Amino acid sequence: MNMPAANARVRSIWMELVKYSKHAFPVLPAETYQAGLAKNGFIYLDLSIAGQPSIEVTRFFLAHEWGHEMHGDPISAMYHMGSYDVMGAAKNAEENADVYAATFMLYQKHDITPVLEFLCANPFDDPIHGNSLERARHVARVYGAPYHIPPVPCEPNADAGSVEDQR
């Protein structure tokens, strides 16, 4: 990972979010074993997300954590992910943070496709975030593209059909 490039990327997204939200939260690089964590006015962005090949994925997950801070979501849940116990907010708070991030992406006219592809290509299923397909569908609906779920592992038995085919 090119740390100076990742820092510049996060700073540019940070400036977009400050302008959009009229609030500023410190963003710290971390190894959170999840995309990020918002806690006590600080956002901890996982290094793997900061250095993602797609700036849109970094943008979405930083906006997601920003949404937690904007809503004042407390860390209220622990769940097991692989061999780790992970802190998180309640399921409705996670859905609301996804709404915040998708709305930010739409308002700023950023491409949601890389985010949906990322969500689908990284299968997860936990009690807080749900499964990959549910989360991708939710984000796509909020963004205004409910049939724009990419035909990757997210959709069982999906082929590379068009958006029309997915309706």
N, C-alpha and C. Protein backbone atom coordinates (compact mmCIF):
# COMPACT_ATOMS: atom_id res chain seq x y z
N MET A 1 0.84 -1.18 0.00
CA MET A 1 0.00 0.00 0.00
C MET A 1 0.89 1.24 0.00
N ASN A 2 0.53 2.18 -0.80
CA ASN A 2 1.24 3.46 -0.88
C ASN A 2 0.60 4.40 0.15
N MET A 3 1.23 4.52 1.32
CA MET A 3 0.63 5.30 2.41
C MET A 3 0.43 6.78 2.06
N PRO A 4 1.38 7.45 1.42
CA PRO A 4 1.11 8.85 1.07
C PRO A 4 -0.11 9.00 0.14
N ALA A 5 -0.25 8.08 -0.81
CA ALA A 5 -1.41 8.13 -1.71
C ALA A 5 -2.70 7.85 -0.94
N ALA A 6 -2.67 6.87 -0.03
CA ALA A 6 -3.86 6.56 0.77
C ALA A 6 -4.22 7.74 1.65
N ASN A 7 -3.23 8.39 2.25
CA ASN A 7 -3.49 9.57 3.09
C ASN A 7 -4.11 10.70 2.29
N ALA A 8 -3.59 10.93 1.08
CA ALA A 8 -4.13 11.99 0.22
C ALA A 8 -5.57 11.67 -0.17
N ARG A 9 -5.83 10.40 -0.47
CA ARG A 9 -7.18 9.97 -0.83
C ARG A 9 -8.15 10.21 0.32
N VAL A 10 -7.77 9.75 1.52
CA VAL A 10 -8.65 9.90 2.68
C VAL A 10 -8.87 11.38 2.99
N ARG A 11 -7.84 12.18 2.88
CA ARG A 11 -7.99 13.63 3.13
C ARG A 11 -8.95 14.27 2.14
N SER A 12 -8.87 13.90 0.86
CA SER A 12 -9.78 14.50 -0.12
C SER A 12 -11.23 14.08 0.16
N ILE A 13 -11.43 12.83 0.57
CA ILE A 13 -12.78 12.38 0.92
C ILE A 13 -13.25 13.08 2.19
N TRP A 14 -12.34 13.22 3.16
CA TRP A 14 -12.64 13.91 4.40
C TRP A 14 -13.16 15.32 4.10
N MET A 15 -12.49 16.02 3.18
CA MET A 15 -12.91 17.39 2.84
C MET A 15 -14.30 17.39 2.20
N GLU A 16 -14.59 16.40 1.35
CA GLU A 16 -15.93 16.30 0.76
C GLU A 16 -16.98 16.11 1.85
N LEU A 17 -16.67 15.23 2.81
CA LEU A 17 -17.62 14.94 3.88
C LEU A 17 -17.83 16.13 4.81
N VAL A 18 -16.78 16.88 5.09
CA VAL A 18 -16.91 18.08 5.91
C VAL A 18 -17.82 19.09 5.21
N LYS A 19 -17.59 19.29 3.94
CA LYS A 19 -18.42 20.23 3.18
C LYS A 19 -19.88 19.76 3.11
N TYR A 20 -20.08 18.46 2.89
CA TYR A 20 -21.42 17.88 2.77
C TYR A 20 -22.18 17.95 4.10
N SER A 21 -21.50 17.59 5.20
CA SER A 21 -22.18 17.44 6.49
C SER A 21 -22.11 18.67 7.39
N LYS A 22 -21.17 19.59 7.09
CA LYS A 22 -20.92 20.77 7.94
C LYS A 22 -20.41 20.35 9.33
N HIS A 23 -19.79 19.17 9.40
CA HIS A 23 -19.17 18.67 10.63
C HIS A 23 -17.79 18.11 10.27
N ALA A 24 -16.92 18.06 11.26
CA ALA A 24 -15.59 17.49 11.04
C ALA A 24 -15.29 16.47 12.14
N PHE A 25 -14.92 15.27 11.73
CA PHE A 25 -14.53 14.22 12.66
C PHE A 25 -13.12 13.78 12.32
N PRO A 26 -12.28 13.57 13.33
CA PRO A 26 -10.95 13.06 13.05
C PRO A 26 -11.02 11.64 12.49
N VAL A 27 -10.20 11.37 11.49
CA VAL A 27 -10.13 10.03 10.89
C VAL A 27 -8.72 9.50 11.14
N LEU A 28 -8.67 8.33 11.76
CA LEU A 28 -7.39 7.73 12.11
C LEU A 28 -7.21 6.41 11.38
N PRO A 29 -6.01 6.16 10.87
CA PRO A 29 -5.76 4.86 10.24
C PRO A 29 -5.69 3.79 11.33
N ALA A 30 -6.18 2.60 11.02
CA ALA A 30 -6.21 1.54 12.02
C ALA A 30 -6.31 0.18 11.35
N GLU A 31 -6.08 -0.83 12.13
CA GLU A 31 -6.40 -2.19 11.71
C GLU A 31 -7.56 -2.63 12.59
N THR A 32 -8.75 -2.50 12.06
CA THR A 32 -9.96 -2.76 12.84
C THR A 32 -10.54 -4.15 12.59
N TYR A 33 -10.02 -4.85 11.60
CA TYR A 33 -10.55 -6.17 11.19
C TYR A 33 -11.99 -6.05 10.71
N GLN A 34 -12.36 -4.86 10.33
CA GLN A 34 -13.62 -4.55 9.67
C GLN A 34 -13.35 -3.29 8.85
N ALA A 35 -14.29 -2.80 8.13
CA ALA A 35 -14.03 -1.65 7.25
C ALA A 35 -13.64 -0.41 8.05
N GLY A 36 -14.25 -0.23 9.18
CA GLY A 36 -13.95 0.92 10.00
C GLY A 36 -14.74 0.86 11.29
N LEU A 37 -14.57 1.87 12.10
CA LEU A 37 -15.24 1.93 13.38
C LEU A 37 -15.40 3.40 13.75
N ALA A 38 -16.58 3.79 14.20
CA ALA A 38 -16.84 5.14 14.68
C ALA A 38 -17.09 5.04 16.18
N LYS A 39 -16.29 5.78 16.94
CA LYS A 39 -16.42 5.67 18.39
C LYS A 39 -15.97 6.96 19.04
N ASN A 40 -16.83 7.51 19.90
CA ASN A 40 -16.49 8.69 20.71
C ASN A 40 -15.97 9.87 19.90
N GLY A 41 -16.58 10.13 18.74
CA GLY A 41 -16.20 11.27 17.93
C GLY A 41 -15.02 11.03 17.01
N PHE A 42 -14.48 9.83 17.00
CA PHE A 42 -13.36 9.47 16.14
C PHE A 42 -13.79 8.41 15.15
N ILE A 43 -13.23 8.47 13.95
CA ILE A 43 -13.46 7.44 12.95
C ILE A 43 -12.14 6.73 12.72
N TYR A 44 -12.17 5.42 12.89
CA TYR A 44 -11.01 4.57 12.64
C TYR A 44 -11.26 3.86 11.33
N LEU A 45 -10.51 4.22 10.31
CA LEU A 45 -10.69 3.64 8.98
C LEU A 45 -9.62 2.57 8.78
N ASP A 46 -10.08 1.36 8.45
CA ASP A 46 -9.14 0.27 8.27
C ASP A 46 -8.20 0.56 7.10
N LEU A 47 -6.94 0.23 7.29
CA LEU A 47 -5.93 0.47 6.26
C LEU A 47 -6.28 -0.23 4.95
N SER A 48 -6.93 -1.39 5.05
CA SER A 48 -7.30 -2.12 3.82
C SER A 48 -8.34 -1.36 3.01
N ILE A 49 -9.18 -0.59 3.67
CA ILE A 49 -10.20 0.21 2.98
C ILE A 49 -9.56 1.50 2.44
N ALA A 50 -8.69 2.10 3.21
CA ALA A 50 -8.03 3.33 2.76
C ALA A 50 -7.22 3.09 1.50
N GLY A 51 -6.65 1.90 1.36
CA GLY A 51 -5.82 1.60 0.20
C GLY A 51 -6.50 0.78 -0.86
N GLN A 52 -7.82 0.72 -0.84
CA GLN A 52 -8.57 -0.03 -1.85
C GLN A 52 -8.26 0.50 -3.25
N PRO A 53 -8.23 -0.38 -4.25
CA PRO A 53 -8.02 0.11 -5.62
C PRO A 53 -9.07 1.14 -6.05
N SER A 54 -10.29 0.99 -5.58
CA SER A 54 -11.36 1.93 -5.96
C SER A 54 -11.54 3.00 -4.89
N ILE A 55 -11.38 4.25 -5.30
CA ILE A 55 -11.64 5.36 -4.38
C ILE A 55 -13.10 5.36 -3.94
N GLU A 56 -14.00 4.86 -4.79
CA GLU A 56 -15.42 4.85 -4.43
C GLU A 56 -15.69 3.95 -3.23
N VAL A 57 -14.97 2.84 -3.11
CA VAL A 57 -15.12 1.95 -1.96
C VAL A 57 -14.63 2.65 -0.70
N THR A 58 -13.48 3.30 -0.79
CA THR A 58 -12.97 4.07 0.35
C THR A 58 -13.98 5.14 0.73
N ARG A 59 -14.48 5.84 -0.26
CA ARG A 59 -15.43 6.93 -0.04
C ARG A 59 -16.70 6.42 0.67
N PHE A 60 -17.24 5.30 0.19
CA PHE A 60 -18.47 4.77 0.78
C PHE A 60 -18.26 4.40 2.25
N PHE A 61 -17.18 3.66 2.54
CA PHE A 61 -17.00 3.20 3.92
C PHE A 61 -16.62 4.33 4.87
N LEU A 62 -15.89 5.32 4.40
CA LEU A 62 -15.63 6.48 5.25
C LEU A 62 -16.94 7.23 5.50
N ALA A 63 -17.76 7.38 4.49
CA ALA A 63 -19.07 8.03 4.65
C ALA A 63 -19.98 7.21 5.57
N HIS A 64 -19.89 5.90 5.50
CA HIS A 64 -20.68 5.03 6.38
C HIS A 64 -20.32 5.33 7.84
N GLU A 65 -19.02 5.34 8.15
CA GLU A 65 -18.60 5.62 9.52
C GLU A 65 -18.95 7.06 9.91
N TRP A 66 -18.86 7.98 8.97
CA TRP A 66 -19.25 9.38 9.20
C TRP A 66 -20.73 9.43 9.58
N GLY A 67 -21.53 8.62 8.90
CA GLY A 67 -22.95 8.55 9.22
C GLY A 67 -23.21 8.13 10.65
N HIS A 68 -22.42 7.16 11.15
CA HIS A 68 -22.56 6.78 12.56
C HIS A 68 -22.33 7.97 13.48
N GLU A 69 -21.29 8.74 13.19
CA GLU A 69 -21.00 9.91 14.03
C GLU A 69 -22.09 10.98 13.89
N MET A 70 -22.58 11.19 12.68
CA MET A 70 -23.64 12.19 12.48
C MET A 70 -24.91 11.80 13.24
N HIS A 71 -25.19 10.50 13.30
CA HIS A 71 -26.39 10.03 13.99
C HIS A 71 -26.16 9.82 15.49
N GLY A 72 -24.90 9.91 15.92
CA GLY A 72 -24.60 9.68 17.34
C GLY A 72 -24.77 8.24 17.76
N ASP A 73 -24.52 7.31 16.84
CA ASP A 73 -24.72 5.89 17.13
C ASP A 73 -23.70 5.39 18.16
N PRO A 74 -24.19 4.78 19.22
CA PRO A 74 -23.25 4.20 20.18
C PRO A 74 -22.81 2.81 19.71
N ILE A 75 -21.65 2.40 20.18
CA ILE A 75 -21.22 1.01 19.99
C ILE A 75 -22.06 0.21 20.98
N SER A 76 -22.95 -0.62 20.46
CA SER A 76 -23.88 -1.29 21.36
C SER A 76 -23.95 -2.79 21.15
N ALA A 77 -23.07 -3.33 20.31
CA ALA A 77 -23.17 -4.76 20.03
C ALA A 77 -21.79 -5.34 19.82
N MET A 78 -21.64 -6.58 20.20
CA MET A 78 -20.44 -7.35 19.90
C MET A 78 -20.92 -8.55 19.10
N TYR A 79 -20.21 -8.88 18.04
CA TYR A 79 -20.56 -10.07 17.29
C TYR A 79 -19.29 -10.78 16.87
N HIS A 80 -19.43 -12.02 16.56
CA HIS A 80 -18.29 -12.87 16.23
C HIS A 80 -18.11 -12.90 14.71
N MET A 81 -16.91 -12.56 14.24
CA MET A 81 -16.60 -12.60 12.81
C MET A 81 -15.31 -13.40 12.65
N GLY A 82 -15.44 -14.60 12.11
CA GLY A 82 -14.26 -15.46 11.99
C GLY A 82 -13.74 -15.78 13.37
N SER A 83 -12.49 -15.46 13.62
CA SER A 83 -11.91 -15.74 14.93
C SER A 83 -11.85 -14.48 15.80
N TYR A 84 -12.58 -13.43 15.40
CA TYR A 84 -12.55 -12.17 16.14
C TYR A 84 -13.92 -11.84 16.70
N ASP A 85 -13.90 -11.18 17.86
CA ASP A 85 -15.10 -10.54 18.37
C ASP A 85 -14.99 -9.08 17.94
N VAL A 86 -16.04 -8.58 17.30
CA VAL A 86 -16.00 -7.26 16.68
C VAL A 86 -17.08 -6.39 17.30
N MET A 87 -16.74 -5.11 17.55
CA MET A 87 -17.72 -4.16 18.07
C MET A 87 -18.51 -3.55 16.92
N GLY A 88 -19.74 -3.24 17.16
CA GLY A 88 -20.54 -2.59 16.14
C GLY A 88 -21.77 -1.94 16.74
N ALA A 89 -22.48 -1.27 15.90
CA ALA A 89 -23.74 -0.64 16.32
C ALA A 89 -24.87 -1.65 16.09
N ALA A 90 -26.05 -1.30 16.51
CA ALA A 90 -27.21 -2.15 16.29
C ALA A 90 -27.53 -2.21 14.80
N LYS A 91 -28.28 -3.24 14.39
CA LYS A 91 -28.59 -3.45 12.97
C LYS A 91 -29.22 -2.22 12.32
N ASN A 92 -30.19 -1.58 12.99
CA ASN A 92 -30.82 -0.41 12.39
C ASN A 92 -29.83 0.75 12.25
N ALA A 93 -28.87 0.85 13.17
CA ALA A 93 -27.85 1.90 13.05
C ALA A 93 -26.94 1.63 11.86
N GLU A 94 -26.62 0.36 11.59
CA GLU A 94 -25.80 0.00 10.43
C GLU A 94 -26.55 0.31 9.13
N GLU A 95 -27.83 -0.01 9.10
CA GLU A 95 -28.63 0.31 7.91
C GLU A 95 -28.70 1.81 7.69
N ASN A 96 -28.87 2.57 8.78
CA ASN A 96 -28.93 4.03 8.66
C ASN A 96 -27.59 4.61 8.19
N ALA A 97 -26.48 4.03 8.65
CA ALA A 97 -25.16 4.49 8.19
C ALA A 97 -24.98 4.18 6.71
N ASP A 98 -25.50 3.04 6.25
CA ASP A 98 -25.46 2.74 4.81
C ASP A 98 -26.31 3.74 4.03
N VAL A 99 -27.46 4.13 4.59
CA VAL A 99 -28.31 5.14 3.94
C VAL A 99 -27.53 6.45 3.83
N TYR A 100 -26.86 6.84 4.91
CA TYR A 100 -26.08 8.08 4.89
C TYR A 100 -25.02 8.01 3.80
N ALA A 101 -24.29 6.91 3.74
CA ALA A 101 -23.20 6.76 2.76
C ALA A 101 -23.73 6.75 1.33
N ALA A 102 -24.81 6.00 1.09
CA ALA A 102 -25.37 5.93 -0.27
C ALA A 102 -25.94 7.28 -0.70
N THR A 103 -26.57 7.99 0.23
CA THR A 103 -27.11 9.32 -0.07
C THR A 103 -25.98 10.30 -0.37
N PHE A 104 -24.90 10.23 0.40
CA PHE A 104 -23.73 11.06 0.13
C PHE A 104 -23.17 10.76 -1.26
N MET A 105 -23.05 9.48 -1.60
CA MET A 105 -22.52 9.08 -2.91
C MET A 105 -23.41 9.63 -4.03
N LEU A 106 -24.73 9.54 -3.85
CA LEU A 106 -25.67 10.03 -4.85
C LEU A 106 -25.58 11.56 -4.97
N TYR A 107 -25.61 12.24 -3.84
CA TYR A 107 -25.57 13.71 -3.84
C TYR A 107 -24.29 14.23 -4.51
N GLN A 108 -23.18 13.55 -4.28
CA GLN A 108 -21.89 13.96 -4.84
C GLN A 108 -21.70 13.44 -6.27
N LYS A 109 -22.67 12.67 -6.75
CA LYS A 109 -22.62 12.09 -8.10
C LYS A 109 -21.44 11.13 -8.29
N HIS A 110 -21.16 10.34 -7.24
CA HIS A 110 -20.12 9.32 -7.32
C HIS A 110 -20.74 8.00 -7.77
N ASP A 111 -19.94 7.19 -8.42
CA ASP A 111 -20.38 5.92 -8.97
C ASP A 111 -20.55 4.88 -7.86
N ILE A 112 -21.73 4.29 -7.75
CA ILE A 112 -22.01 3.29 -6.72
C ILE A 112 -21.60 1.89 -7.16
N THR A 113 -21.37 1.68 -8.46
CA THR A 113 -21.07 0.34 -8.98
C THR A 113 -19.88 -0.31 -8.28
N PRO A 114 -18.74 0.36 -8.09
CA PRO A 114 -17.62 -0.31 -7.40
C PRO A 114 -17.97 -0.73 -5.97
N VAL A 115 -18.83 0.03 -5.32
CA VAL A 115 -19.25 -0.31 -3.95
C VAL A 115 -20.09 -1.59 -3.97
N LEU A 116 -21.05 -1.65 -4.88
CA LEU A 116 -21.89 -2.85 -4.98
C LEU A 116 -21.04 -4.06 -5.35
N GLU A 117 -20.09 -3.87 -6.25
CA GLU A 117 -19.19 -4.97 -6.61
C GLU A 117 -18.36 -5.42 -5.41
N PHE A 118 -17.88 -4.46 -4.63
CA PHE A 118 -17.10 -4.79 -3.43
C PHE A 118 -17.95 -5.56 -2.44
N LEU A 119 -19.16 -5.07 -2.18
CA LEU A 119 -20.04 -5.75 -1.23
C LEU A 119 -20.34 -7.18 -1.67
N CYS A 120 -20.54 -7.36 -2.97
CA CYS A 120 -20.87 -8.68 -3.48
C CYS A 120 -19.66 -9.60 -3.55
N ALA A 121 -18.50 -9.05 -3.83
CA ALA A 121 -17.28 -9.87 -3.98
C ALA A 121 -16.68 -10.27 -2.64
N ASN A 122 -17.12 -9.64 -1.57
CA ASN A 122 -16.60 -9.94 -0.24
C ASN A 122 -17.75 -10.48 0.61
N PRO A 123 -18.06 -11.75 0.43
CA PRO A 123 -19.23 -12.30 1.11
C PRO A 123 -19.10 -12.24 2.63
N PHE A 124 -20.14 -11.77 3.24
CA PHE A 124 -20.20 -11.75 4.70
C PHE A 124 -21.64 -12.02 5.09
N ASP A 125 -21.80 -12.46 6.29
CA ASP A 125 -23.12 -12.71 6.83
C ASP A 125 -22.99 -12.63 8.34
N ASP A 126 -23.46 -11.54 8.89
CA ASP A 126 -23.41 -11.39 10.34
C ASP A 126 -24.73 -10.78 10.81
N PRO A 127 -25.02 -10.90 12.09
CA PRO A 127 -26.32 -10.42 12.59
C PRO A 127 -26.47 -8.91 12.53
N ILE A 128 -25.39 -8.17 12.44
CA ILE A 128 -25.47 -6.71 12.43
C ILE A 128 -25.66 -6.16 11.02
N HIS A 129 -24.84 -6.61 10.08
CA HIS A 129 -24.89 -6.09 8.71
C HIS A 129 -25.77 -6.92 7.79
N GLY A 130 -26.16 -8.12 8.17
CA GLY A 130 -26.90 -9.00 7.28
C GLY A 130 -25.93 -9.68 6.32
N ASN A 131 -26.46 -10.17 5.21
CA ASN A 131 -25.56 -10.81 4.25
C ASN A 131 -25.25 -9.85 3.09
N SER A 132 -24.30 -10.26 2.28
CA SER A 132 -23.80 -9.40 1.19
C SER A 132 -24.92 -8.95 0.26
N LEU A 133 -25.77 -9.89 -0.14
CA LEU A 133 -26.84 -9.57 -1.09
C LEU A 133 -27.83 -8.57 -0.48
N GLU A 134 -28.25 -8.80 0.77
CA GLU A 134 -29.18 -7.87 1.42
C GLU A 134 -28.59 -6.46 1.49
N ARG A 135 -27.34 -6.39 1.89
CA ARG A 135 -26.71 -5.08 2.05
C ARG A 135 -26.54 -4.38 0.70
N ALA A 136 -26.09 -5.11 -0.32
CA ALA A 136 -25.94 -4.51 -1.65
C ALA A 136 -27.29 -4.04 -2.18
N ARG A 137 -28.33 -4.83 -2.00
CA ARG A 137 -29.67 -4.40 -2.46
C ARG A 137 -30.14 -3.15 -1.74
N HIS A 138 -29.90 -3.10 -0.43
CA HIS A 138 -30.30 -1.93 0.36
C HIS A 138 -29.58 -0.68 -0.13
N VAL A 139 -28.26 -0.77 -0.32
CA VAL A 139 -27.47 0.37 -0.79
C VAL A 139 -27.92 0.80 -2.18
N ALA A 140 -28.16 -0.17 -3.06
CA ALA A 140 -28.60 0.14 -4.43
C ALA A 140 -29.97 0.83 -4.42
N ARG A 141 -30.88 0.38 -3.56
CA ARG A 141 -32.21 1.00 -3.46
C ARG A 141 -32.10 2.45 -3.02
N VAL A 142 -31.30 2.69 -1.99
CA VAL A 142 -31.14 4.05 -1.47
C VAL A 142 -30.53 4.95 -2.55
N TYR A 143 -29.57 4.43 -3.28
CA TYR A 143 -28.89 5.19 -4.32
C TYR A 143 -29.83 5.46 -5.51
N GLY A 144 -30.91 4.69 -5.60
CA GLY A 144 -31.85 4.88 -6.70
C GLY A 144 -31.60 3.95 -7.86
N ALA A 145 -30.87 2.88 -7.61
CA ALA A 145 -30.55 1.90 -8.66
C ALA A 145 -30.87 0.49 -8.15
N PRO A 146 -32.14 0.22 -7.82
CA PRO A 146 -32.47 -1.05 -7.16
C PRO A 146 -32.16 -2.30 -7.98
N TYR A 147 -32.03 -2.19 -9.27
CA TYR A 147 -31.75 -3.37 -10.10
C TYR A 147 -30.30 -3.40 -10.55
N HIS A 148 -29.46 -2.63 -9.91
CA HIS A 148 -28.08 -2.51 -10.33
C HIS A 148 -27.13 -3.40 -9.53
N ILE A 149 -27.61 -4.52 -9.03
CA ILE A 149 -26.75 -5.45 -8.29
C ILE A 149 -25.90 -6.20 -9.30
N PRO A 150 -24.58 -6.12 -9.16
CA PRO A 150 -23.72 -6.78 -10.14
C PRO A 150 -23.85 -8.30 -10.10
N PRO A 151 -23.73 -8.94 -11.24
CA PRO A 151 -23.84 -10.40 -11.28
C PRO A 151 -22.52 -11.06 -10.88
N VAL A 152 -22.16 -10.93 -9.62
CA VAL A 152 -20.98 -11.56 -9.06
C VAL A 152 -21.44 -12.44 -7.90
N PRO A 153 -20.58 -12.95 -7.04
CA PRO A 153 -21.03 -13.93 -6.05
C PRO A 153 -22.23 -13.52 -5.20
N CYS A 154 -22.58 -12.25 -5.18
CA CYS A 154 -23.70 -11.78 -4.38
C CYS A 154 -25.01 -12.47 -4.77
N GLU A 155 -25.26 -12.60 -6.03
CA GLU A 155 -26.52 -13.14 -6.53
C GLU A 155 -26.29 -14.60 -6.91
N PRO A 156 -26.88 -15.54 -6.16
CA PRO A 156 -26.68 -16.95 -6.49
C PRO A 156 -27.14 -17.25 -7.92
N ASN A 157 -26.31 -17.98 -8.64
CA ASN A 157 -26.61 -18.42 -10.01
C ASN A 157 -26.83 -17.25 -10.97
N ALA A 158 -26.26 -16.10 -10.65
CA ALA A 158 -26.43 -14.94 -11.54
C ALA A 158 -25.45 -15.07 -12.70
N ASP A 159 -25.92 -14.69 -13.86
CA ASP A 159 -25.01 -14.61 -15.01
C ASP A 159 -24.83 -13.13 -15.33
N ALA A 160 -24.05 -12.84 -16.32
CA ALA A 160 -23.73 -11.44 -16.64
C ALA A 160 -24.83 -10.77 -17.44
N GLY A 161 -26.07 -10.94 -17.02
CA GLY A 161 -27.19 -10.34 -17.73
C GLY A 161 -27.23 -8.84 -17.54
N SER A 162 -28.07 -8.20 -18.28
CA SER A 162 -28.20 -6.74 -18.18
C SER A 162 -29.04 -6.36 -16.96
N VAL A 163 -29.09 -5.09 -16.70
CA VAL A 163 -29.94 -4.60 -15.61
C VAL A 163 -31.38 -5.02 -15.86
N GLU A 164 -31.82 -4.98 -17.11
CA GLU A 164 -33.18 -5.40 -17.43
C GLU A 164 -33.40 -6.87 -17.07
N ASP A 165 -32.41 -7.71 -17.31
CA ASP A 165 -32.54 -9.13 -16.98
C ASP A 165 -32.72 -9.36 -15.49
N GLN A 166 -32.18 -8.47 -14.66
CA GLN A 166 -32.22 -8.66 -13.22
C GLN A 166 -33.56 -8.26 -12.63
N ARG A 167 -34.41 -7.61 -13.39
CA ARG A 167 -35.74 -7.20 -12.89
C ARG A 167 -36.59 -8.39 -12.87
